Amino acid sequence: NAHGSAGEVDPADLGNLETSVSAYHGATPLSQEFS
């Protein structure tokens, strides 16, 4: 802590890392001009 007092912790007790997976919408159909 801020006062320098330390205590041992079990790494298995710490929480999960926040991660999210992006959605996949696939390729958008293009007009003839863009093609």
PDB file of all heavy atoms in Angstrom:
ATOM      1  N   ASN A   1       0.831  -1.200   0.000  1.00  0.00           N
ATOM      2  CA  ASN A   1       0.000   0.000   0.000  1.00  0.00           C
ATOM      3  C   ASN A   1       0.869   1.255   0.000  1.00  0.00           C
ATOM      4  O   ASN A   1       2.100   1.180  -0.109  1.00  0.00           O
ATOM      5  CB  ASN A   1      -0.968  -0.005   1.190  1.00  0.00           C
ATOM      6  CG  ASN A   1      -0.227  -0.087   2.524  1.00  0.00           C
ATOM      7  OD1 ASN A   1       0.952   0.255   2.619  1.00  0.00           O
ATOM      8  ND2 ASN A   1      -0.921  -0.542   3.549  1.00  0.00           N
ATOM      9  N   ALA A   2       0.228   2.407   0.132  1.00  0.00           N
ATOM     10  CA  ALA A   2       0.955   3.679   0.065  1.00  0.00           C
ATOM     11  C   ALA A   2       1.938   3.844   1.205  1.00  0.00           C
ATOM     12  O   ALA A   2       2.897   4.625   1.110  1.00  0.00           O
ATOM     13  CB  ALA A   2      -0.041   4.833   0.060  1.00  0.00           C
ATOM     14  N   HIS A   3       1.730   3.118   2.303  1.00  0.00           N
ATOM     15  CA  HIS A   3       2.628   3.223   3.454  1.00  0.00           C
ATOM     16  C   HIS A   3       3.777   2.212   3.393  1.00  0.00           C
ATOM     17  O   HIS A   3       4.592   2.158   4.312  1.00  0.00           O
ATOM     18  CB  HIS A   3       1.829   3.022   4.748  1.00  0.00           C
ATOM     19  CG  HIS A   3       0.682   3.983   4.895  1.00  0.00           C
ATOM     20  ND1 HIS A   3       0.860   5.314   5.189  1.00  0.00           N
ATOM     21  CD2 HIS A   3      -0.660   3.794   4.767  1.00  0.00           C
ATOM     22  CE1 HIS A   3      -0.314   5.913   5.249  1.00  0.00           C
ATOM     23  NE2 HIS A   3      -1.253   5.018   4.992  1.00  0.00           N
ATOM     24  N   GLY A   4       3.814   1.400   2.355  1.00  0.00           N
ATOM     25  CA  GLY A   4       4.890   0.431   2.212  1.00  0.00           C
ATOM     26  C   GLY A   4       4.639  -0.887   2.907  1.00  0.00           C
ATOM     27  O   GLY A   4       5.538  -1.731   2.967  1.00  0.00           O
ATOM     28  N   SER A   5       3.428  -1.092   3.421  1.00  0.00           N
ATOM     29  CA  SER A   5       3.110  -2.368   4.055  1.00  0.00           C
ATOM     30  C   SER A   5       2.672  -3.355   2.979  1.00  0.00           C
ATOM     31  O   SER A   5       1.736  -3.086   2.218  1.00  0.00           O
ATOM     32  CB  SER A   5       1.985  -2.184   5.081  1.00  0.00           C
ATOM     33  OG  SER A   5       2.398  -1.304   6.109  1.00  0.00           O
ATOM     34  N   ALA A   6       3.346  -4.493   2.923  1.00  0.00           N
ATOM     35  CA  ALA A   6       3.088  -5.478   1.872  1.00  0.00           C
ATOM     36  C   ALA A   6       2.490  -6.743   2.461  1.00  0.00           C
ATOM     37  O   ALA A   6       2.742  -7.100   3.621  1.00  0.00           O
ATOM     38  CB  ALA A   6       4.378  -5.803   1.127  1.00  0.00           C
ATOM     39  N   GLY A   7       1.687  -7.412   1.658  1.00  0.00           N
ATOM     40  CA  GLY A   7       1.116  -8.688   2.050  1.00  0.00           C
ATOM     41  C   GLY A   7       1.076  -9.631   0.874  1.00  0.00           C
ATOM     42  O   GLY A   7       0.864  -9.211  -0.263  1.00  0.00           O
ATOM     43  N   GLU A   8       1.250 -10.916   1.127  1.00  0.00           N
ATOM     44  CA  GLU A   8       1.271 -11.901   0.041  1.00  0.00           C
ATOM     45  C   GLU A   8      -0.146 -12.212  -0.401  1.00  0.00           C
ATOM     46  O   GLU A   8      -1.068 -12.297   0.414  1.00  0.00           O
ATOM     47  CB  GLU A   8       1.981 -13.171   0.483  1.00  0.00           C
ATOM     48  CG  GLU A   8       2.200 -14.172  -0.647  1.00  0.00           C
ATOM     49  CD  GLU A   8       3.148 -15.294  -0.285  1.00  0.00           C
ATOM     50  OE1 GLU A   8       3.557 -15.361   0.889  1.00  0.00           O
ATOM     51  OE2 GLU A   8       3.487 -16.091  -1.175  1.00  0.00           O
ATOM     52  N   VAL A   9      -0.316 -12.365  -1.708  1.00  0.00           N
ATOM     53  CA  VAL A   9      -1.615 -12.706  -2.285  1.00  0.00           C
ATOM     54  C   VAL A   9      -1.445 -13.932  -3.173  1.00  0.00           C
ATOM     55  O   VAL A   9      -0.353 -14.217  -3.672  1.00  0.00           O
ATOM     56  CB  VAL A   9      -2.195 -11.530  -3.108  1.00  0.00           C
ATOM     57  CG1 VAL A   9      -2.460 -10.327  -2.227  1.00  0.00           C
ATOM     58  CG2 VAL A   9      -1.267 -11.158  -4.258  1.00  0.00           C
ATOM     59  N   ASP A  10      -2.545 -14.643  -3.363  1.00  0.00           N
ATOM     60  CA  ASP A  10      -2.556 -15.795  -4.264  1.00  0.00           C
ATOM     61  C   ASP A  10      -2.916 -15.295  -5.657  1.00  0.00           C
ATOM     62  O   ASP A  10      -4.005 -14.746  -5.859  1.00  0.00           O
ATOM     63  CB  ASP A  10      -3.578 -16.818  -3.788  1.00  0.00           C
ATOM     64  CG  ASP A  10      -3.555 -18.103  -4.615  1.00  0.00           C
ATOM     65  OD1 ASP A  10      -2.836 -18.136  -5.636  1.00  0.00           O
ATOM     66  OD2 ASP A  10      -4.262 -19.053  -4.248  1.00  0.00           O
ATOM     67  N   PRO A  11      -2.018 -15.448  -6.658  1.00  0.00           N
ATOM     68  CA  PRO A  11      -2.330 -14.971  -8.010  1.00  0.00           C
ATOM     69  C   PRO A  11      -3.617 -15.554  -8.577  1.00  0.00           C
ATOM     70  O   PRO A  11      -4.284 -14.911  -9.394  1.00  0.00           O
ATOM     71  CB  PRO A  11      -1.115 -15.414  -8.827  1.00  0.00           C
ATOM     72  CG  PRO A  11      -0.001 -15.539  -7.827  1.00  0.00           C
ATOM     73  CD  PRO A  11      -0.667 -16.010  -6.569  1.00  0.00           C
ATOM     74  N   ALA A  12      -3.993 -16.750  -8.125  1.00  0.00           N
ATOM     75  CA  ALA A  12      -5.208 -17.379  -8.643  1.00  0.00           C
ATOM     76  C   ALA A  12      -6.465 -16.665  -8.176  1.00  0.00           C
ATOM     77  O   ALA A  12      -7.538 -16.848  -8.760  1.00  0.00           O
ATOM     78  CB  ALA A  12      -5.258 -18.847  -8.219  1.00  0.00           C
ATOM     79  N   ASP A  13      -6.358 -15.839  -7.124  1.00  0.00           N
ATOM     80  CA  ASP A  13      -7.527 -15.152  -6.585  1.00  0.00           C
ATOM     81  C   ASP A  13      -7.811 -13.824  -7.282  1.00  0.00           C
ATOM     82  O   ASP A  13      -8.844 -13.202  -7.020  1.00  0.00           O
ATOM     83  CB  ASP A  13      -7.354 -14.889  -5.087  1.00  0.00           C
ATOM     84  CG  ASP A  13      -7.338 -16.186  -4.282  1.00  0.00           C
ATOM     85  OD1 ASP A  13      -7.876 -17.196  -4.788  1.00  0.00           O
ATOM     86  OD2 ASP A  13      -6.795 -16.182  -3.163  1.00  0.00           O
ATOM     87  N   LEU A  14      -6.890 -13.363  -8.131  1.00  0.00           N
ATOM     88  CA  LEU A  14      -7.077 -12.079  -8.788  1.00  0.00           C
ATOM     89  C   LEU A  14      -8.053 -12.228  -9.955  1.00  0.00           C
ATOM     90  O   LEU A  14      -8.172 -13.293 -10.559  1.00  0.00           O
ATOM     91  CB  LEU A  14      -5.740 -11.513  -9.263  1.00  0.00           C
ATOM     92  CG  LEU A  14      -4.730 -11.247  -8.142  1.00  0.00           C
ATOM     93  CD1 LEU A  14      -3.461 -10.635  -8.698  1.00  0.00           C
ATOM     94  CD2 LEU A  14      -5.320 -10.334  -7.074  1.00  0.00           C
ATOM     95  N   GLY A  15      -8.731 -11.143 -10.308  1.00  0.00           N
ATOM     96  CA  GLY A  15      -9.821 -11.191 -11.283  1.00  0.00           C
ATOM     97  C   GLY A  15      -9.370 -11.402 -12.713  1.00  0.00           C
ATOM     98  O   GLY A  15      -8.182 -11.541 -13.011  1.00  0.00           O
ATOM     99  N   ASN A  16     -10.360 -11.398 -13.621  1.00  0.00           N
ATOM    100  CA  ASN A  16     -10.103 -11.602 -15.042  1.00  0.00           C
ATOM    101  C   ASN A  16      -9.704 -10.300 -15.713  1.00  0.00           C
ATOM    102  O   ASN A  16     -10.018  -9.211 -15.241  1.00  0.00           O
ATOM    103  CB  ASN A  16     -11.345 -12.165 -15.736  1.00  0.00           C
ATOM    104  CG  ASN A  16     -11.644 -13.587 -15.294  1.00  0.00           C
ATOM    105  OD1 ASN A  16     -10.737 -14.355 -15.007  1.00  0.00           O
ATOM    106  ND2 ASN A  16     -12.920 -13.927 -15.224  1.00  0.00           N
ATOM    107  N   LEU A  17      -9.001 -10.445 -16.826  1.00  0.00           N
ATOM    108  CA  LEU A  17      -8.664  -9.300 -17.659  1.00  0.00           C
ATOM    109  C   LEU A  17      -9.837  -9.006 -18.591  1.00  0.00           C
ATOM    110  O   LEU A  17     -10.434  -9.917 -19.160  1.00  0.00           O
ATOM    111  CB  LEU A  17      -7.405  -9.597 -18.484  1.00  0.00           C
ATOM    112  CG  LEU A  17      -6.128  -9.839 -17.682  1.00  0.00           C
ATOM    113  CD1 LEU A  17      -5.013 -10.293 -18.617  1.00  0.00           C
ATOM    114  CD2 LEU A  17      -5.696  -8.583 -16.947  1.00  0.00           C
ATOM    115  N   GLU A  18     -10.153  -7.732 -18.720  1.00  0.00           N
ATOM    116  CA  GLU A  18     -11.294  -7.354 -19.545  1.00  0.00           C
ATOM    117  C   GLU A  18     -10.905  -7.352 -21.015  1.00  0.00           C
ATOM    118  O   GLU A  18     -10.013  -6.632 -21.435  1.00  0.00           O
ATOM    119  CB  GLU A  18     -11.802  -5.972 -19.129  1.00  0.00           C
ATOM    120  CG  GLU A  18     -12.327  -5.917 -17.697  1.00  0.00           C
ATOM    121  CD  GLU A  18     -12.847  -4.542 -17.342  1.00  0.00           C
ATOM    122  OE1 GLU A  18     -12.947  -3.705 -18.266  1.00  0.00           O
ATOM    123  OE2 GLU A  18     -13.138  -4.297 -16.162  1.00  0.00           O
ATOM    124  N   THR A  19     -11.584  -8.184 -21.792  1.00  0.00           N
ATOM    125  CA  THR A  19     -11.338  -8.290 -23.230  1.00  0.00           C
ATOM    126  C   THR A  19     -12.663  -8.543 -23.929  1.00  0.00           C
ATOM    127  O   THR A  19     -13.502  -9.282 -23.432  1.00  0.00           O
ATOM    128  CB  THR A  19     -10.381  -9.458 -23.542  1.00  0.00           C
ATOM    129  OG1 THR A  19      -9.216  -9.346 -22.738  1.00  0.00           O
ATOM    130  CG2 THR A  19      -9.963  -9.434 -24.998  1.00  0.00           C
ATOM    131  N   SER A  20     -12.829  -7.924 -25.070  1.00  0.00           N
ATOM    132  CA  SER A  20     -14.030  -8.165 -25.863  1.00  0.00           C
ATOM    133  C   SER A  20     -13.637  -8.522 -27.285  1.00  0.00           C
ATOM    134  O   SER A  20     -12.595  -8.092 -27.778  1.00  0.00           O
ATOM    135  CB  SER A  20     -14.942  -6.934 -25.860  1.00  0.00           C
ATOM    136  OG  SER A  20     -14.268  -5.808 -26.384  1.00  0.00           O
ATOM    137  N   VAL A  21     -14.475  -9.332 -27.938  1.00  0.00           N
ATOM    138  CA  VAL A  21     -14.232  -9.776 -29.310  1.00  0.00           C
ATOM    139  C   VAL A  21     -15.051  -8.916 -30.253  1.00  0.00           C
ATOM    140  O   VAL A  21     -16.250  -8.704 -30.042  1.00  0.00           O
ATOM    141  CB  VAL A  21     -14.604 -11.259 -29.483  1.00  0.00           C
ATOM    142  CG1 VAL A  21     -14.319 -11.712 -30.906  1.00  0.00           C
ATOM    143  CG2 VAL A  21     -13.846 -12.112 -28.486  1.00  0.00           C
ATOM    144  N   SER A  22     -14.412  -8.413 -31.278  1.00  0.00           N
ATOM    145  CA  SER A  22     -15.116  -7.585 -32.256  1.00  0.00           C
ATOM    146  C   SER A  22     -16.055  -8.445 -33.100  1.00  0.00           C
ATOM    147  O   SER A  22     -15.759  -9.604 -33.404  1.00  0.00           O
ATOM    148  CB  SER A  22     -14.115  -6.868 -33.168  1.00  0.00           C
ATOM    149  OG  SER A  22     -13.235  -6.058 -32.417  1.00  0.00           O
ATOM    150  N   ALA A  23     -17.174  -7.864 -33.462  1.00  0.00           N
ATOM    151  CA  ALA A  23     -18.103  -8.556 -34.358  1.00  0.00           C
ATOM    152  C   ALA A  23     -17.557  -8.544 -35.782  1.00  0.00           C
ATOM    153  O   ALA A  23     -16.772  -7.674 -36.153  1.00  0.00           O
ATOM    154  CB  ALA A  23     -19.469  -7.883 -34.304  1.00  0.00           C
ATOM    155  N   TYR A  24     -17.973  -9.514 -36.578  1.00  0.00           N
ATOM    156  CA  TYR A  24     -17.515  -9.623 -37.969  1.00  0.00           C
ATOM    157  C   TYR A  24     -18.721  -9.469 -38.881  1.00  0.00           C
ATOM    158  O   TYR A  24     -19.616 -10.301 -38.894  1.00  0.00           O
ATOM    159  CB  TYR A  24     -16.832 -10.972 -38.187  1.00  0.00           C
ATOM    160  CG  TYR A  24     -16.263 -11.161 -39.575  1.00  0.00           C
ATOM    161  CD1 TYR A  24     -15.693 -10.103 -40.268  1.00  0.00           C
ATOM    162  CD2 TYR A  24     -16.307 -12.404 -40.194  1.00  0.00           C
ATOM    163  CE1 TYR A  24     -15.170 -10.272 -41.534  1.00  0.00           C
ATOM    164  CE2 TYR A  24     -15.767 -12.593 -41.464  1.00  0.00           C
ATOM    165  CZ  TYR A  24     -15.213 -11.518 -42.133  1.00  0.00           C
ATOM    166  OH  TYR A  24     -14.702 -11.684 -43.386  1.00  0.00           O
ATOM    167  N   HIS A  25     -18.740  -8.375 -39.633  1.00  0.00           N
ATOM    168  CA  HIS A  25     -19.880  -8.088 -40.496  1.00  0.00           C
ATOM    169  C   HIS A  25     -19.658  -8.532 -41.940  1.00  0.00           C
ATOM    170  O   HIS A  25     -20.592  -8.492 -42.744  1.00  0.00           O
ATOM    171  CB  HIS A  25     -20.175  -6.582 -40.476  1.00  0.00           C
ATOM    172  CG  HIS A  25     -20.509  -6.076 -39.103  1.00  0.00           C
ATOM    173  ND1 HIS A  25     -21.738  -6.272 -38.516  1.00  0.00           N
ATOM    174  CD2 HIS A  25     -19.760  -5.401 -38.201  1.00  0.00           C
ATOM    175  CE1 HIS A  25     -21.741  -5.722 -37.318  1.00  0.00           C
ATOM    176  NE2 HIS A  25     -20.564  -5.189 -37.091  1.00  0.00           N
ATOM    177  N   GLY A  26     -18.438  -8.932 -42.281  1.00  0.00           N
ATOM    178  CA  GLY A  26     -18.169  -9.354 -43.651  1.00  0.00           C
ATOM    179  C   GLY A  26     -18.065  -8.182 -44.604  1.00  0.00           C
ATOM    180  O   GLY A  26     -18.338  -7.024 -44.253  1.00  0.00           O
ATOM    181  N   ALA A  27     -17.639  -8.469 -45.817  1.00  0.00           N
ATOM    182  CA  ALA A  27     -17.448  -7.418 -46.812  1.00  0.00           C
ATOM    183  C   ALA A  27     -18.791  -6.850 -47.257  1.00  0.00           C
ATOM    184  O   ALA A  27     -19.757  -7.581 -47.476  1.00  0.00           O
ATOM    185  CB  ALA A  27     -16.682  -7.959 -48.011  1.00  0.00           C
ATOM    186  N   THR A  28     -18.846  -5.525 -47.398  1.00  0.00           N
ATOM    187  CA  THR A  28     -20.045  -4.851 -47.866  1.00  0.00           C
ATOM    188  C   THR A  28     -20.102  -4.899 -49.394  1.00  0.00           C
ATOM    189  O   THR A  28     -19.097  -4.595 -50.056  1.00  0.00           O
ATOM    190  CB  THR A  28     -20.050  -3.385 -47.393  1.00  0.00           C
ATOM    191  OG1 THR A  28     -19.948  -3.355 -45.971  1.00  0.00           O
ATOM    192  CG2 THR A  28     -21.312  -2.680 -47.836  1.00  0.00           C
ATOM    193  N   PRO A  29     -21.231  -5.285 -49.979  1.00  0.00           N
ATOM    194  CA  PRO A  29     -21.323  -5.286 -51.455  1.00  0.00           C
ATOM    195  C   PRO A  29     -21.060  -3.881 -52.004  1.00  0.00           C
ATOM    196  O   PRO A  29     -21.546  -2.881 -51.468  1.00  0.00           O
ATOM    197  CB  PRO A  29     -22.769  -5.727 -51.705  1.00  0.00           C
ATOM    198  CG  PRO A  29     -23.172  -6.448 -50.464  1.00  0.00           C
ATOM    199  CD  PRO A  29     -22.453  -5.778 -49.342  1.00  0.00           C
ATOM    200  N   LEU A  30     -20.304  -3.823 -53.094  1.00  0.00           N
ATOM    201  CA  LEU A  30     -19.905  -2.535 -53.673  1.00  0.00           C
ATOM    202  C   LEU A  30     -20.665  -2.267 -54.971  1.00  0.00           C
ATOM    203  O   LEU A  30     -21.030  -3.196 -55.703  1.00  0.00           O
ATOM    204  CB  LEU A  30     -18.394  -2.524 -53.947  1.00  0.00           C
ATOM    205  CG  LEU A  30     -17.483  -2.712 -52.728  1.00  0.00           C
ATOM    206  CD1 LEU A  30     -16.040  -2.794 -53.174  1.00  0.00           C
ATOM    207  CD2 LEU A  30     -17.675  -1.576 -51.732  1.00  0.00           C
ATOM    208  N   SER A  31     -20.872  -1.007 -55.252  1.00  0.00           N
ATOM    209  CA  SER A  31     -21.514  -0.614 -56.512  1.00  0.00           C
ATOM    210  C   SER A  31     -20.538  -0.826 -57.663  1.00  0.00           C
ATOM    211  O   SER A  31     -19.337  -1.006 -57.460  1.00  0.00           O
ATOM    212  CB  SER A  31     -21.933   0.851 -56.444  1.00  0.00           C
ATOM    213  OG  SER A  31     -20.797   1.692 -56.322  1.00  0.00           O
ATOM    214  N   GLN A  32     -21.038  -0.782 -58.875  1.00  0.00           N
ATOM    215  CA  GLN A  32     -20.196  -0.991 -60.047  1.00  0.00           C
ATOM    216  C   GLN A  32     -19.142   0.098 -60.156  1.00  0.00           C
ATOM    217  O   GLN A  32     -17.993  -0.173 -60.535  1.00  0.00           O
ATOM    218  CB  GLN A  32     -21.053  -1.025 -61.309  1.00  0.00           C
ATOM    219  CG  GLN A  32     -20.256  -1.321 -62.584  1.00  0.00           C
ATOM    220  CD  GLN A  32     -21.141  -1.395 -63.814  1.00  0.00           C
ATOM    221  OE1 GLN A  32     -22.355  -1.222 -63.720  1.00  0.00           O
ATOM    222  NE2 GLN A  32     -20.543  -1.663 -64.961  1.00  0.00           N
ATOM    223  N   GLU A  33     -19.500   1.353 -59.811  1.00  0.00           N
ATOM    224  CA  GLU A  33     -18.532   2.458 -59.894  1.00  0.00           C
ATOM    225  C   GLU A  33     -17.357   2.217 -58.959  1.00  0.00           C
ATOM    226  O   GLU A  33     -16.195   2.427 -59.334  1.00  0.00           O
ATOM    227  CB  GLU A  33     -19.215   3.783 -59.550  1.00  0.00           C
ATOM    228  CG  GLU A  33     -20.246   4.249 -60.562  1.00  0.00           C
ATOM    229  CD  GLU A  33     -21.583   3.552 -60.375  1.00  0.00           C
ATOM    230  OE1 GLU A  33     -21.699   2.749 -59.413  1.00  0.00           O
ATOM    231  OE2 GLU A  33     -22.505   3.795 -61.180  1.00  0.00           O
ATOM    232  N   PHE A  34     -17.639   1.753 -57.732  1.00  0.00           N
ATOM    233  CA  PHE A  34     -16.556   1.498 -56.793  1.00  0.00           C
ATOM    234  C   PHE A  34     -15.716   0.300 -57.231  1.00  0.00           C
ATOM    235  O   PHE A  34     -14.492   0.277 -57.045  1.00  0.00           O
ATOM    236  CB  PHE A  34     -17.113   1.268 -55.385  1.00  0.00           C
ATOM    237  CG  PHE A  34     -17.531   2.535 -54.682  1.00  0.00           C
ATOM    238  CD1 PHE A  34     -18.657   2.564 -53.877  1.00  0.00           C
ATOM    239  CD2 PHE A  34     -16.796   3.699 -54.817  1.00  0.00           C
ATOM    240  CE1 PHE A  34     -19.041   3.726 -53.233  1.00  0.00           C
ATOM    241  CE2 PHE A  34     -17.170   4.866 -54.178  1.00  0.00           C
ATOM    242  CZ  PHE A  34     -18.297   4.882 -53.378  1.00  0.00           C
ATOM    243  N   SER A  35     -16.347  -0.700 -57.811  1.00  0.00           N
ATOM    244  CA  SER A  35     -15.593  -1.868 -58.291  1.00  0.00           C
ATOM    245  C   SER A  35     -14.615  -1.462 -59.384  1.00  0.00           C
ATOM    246  O   SER A  35     -13.467  -1.936 -59.424  1.00  0.00           O
ATOM    247  CB  SER A  35     -16.556  -2.938 -58.800  1.00  0.00           C
ATOM    248  OG  SER A  35     -17.411  -3.380 -57.773  1.00  0.00           O
TER     249      SER A  35
END
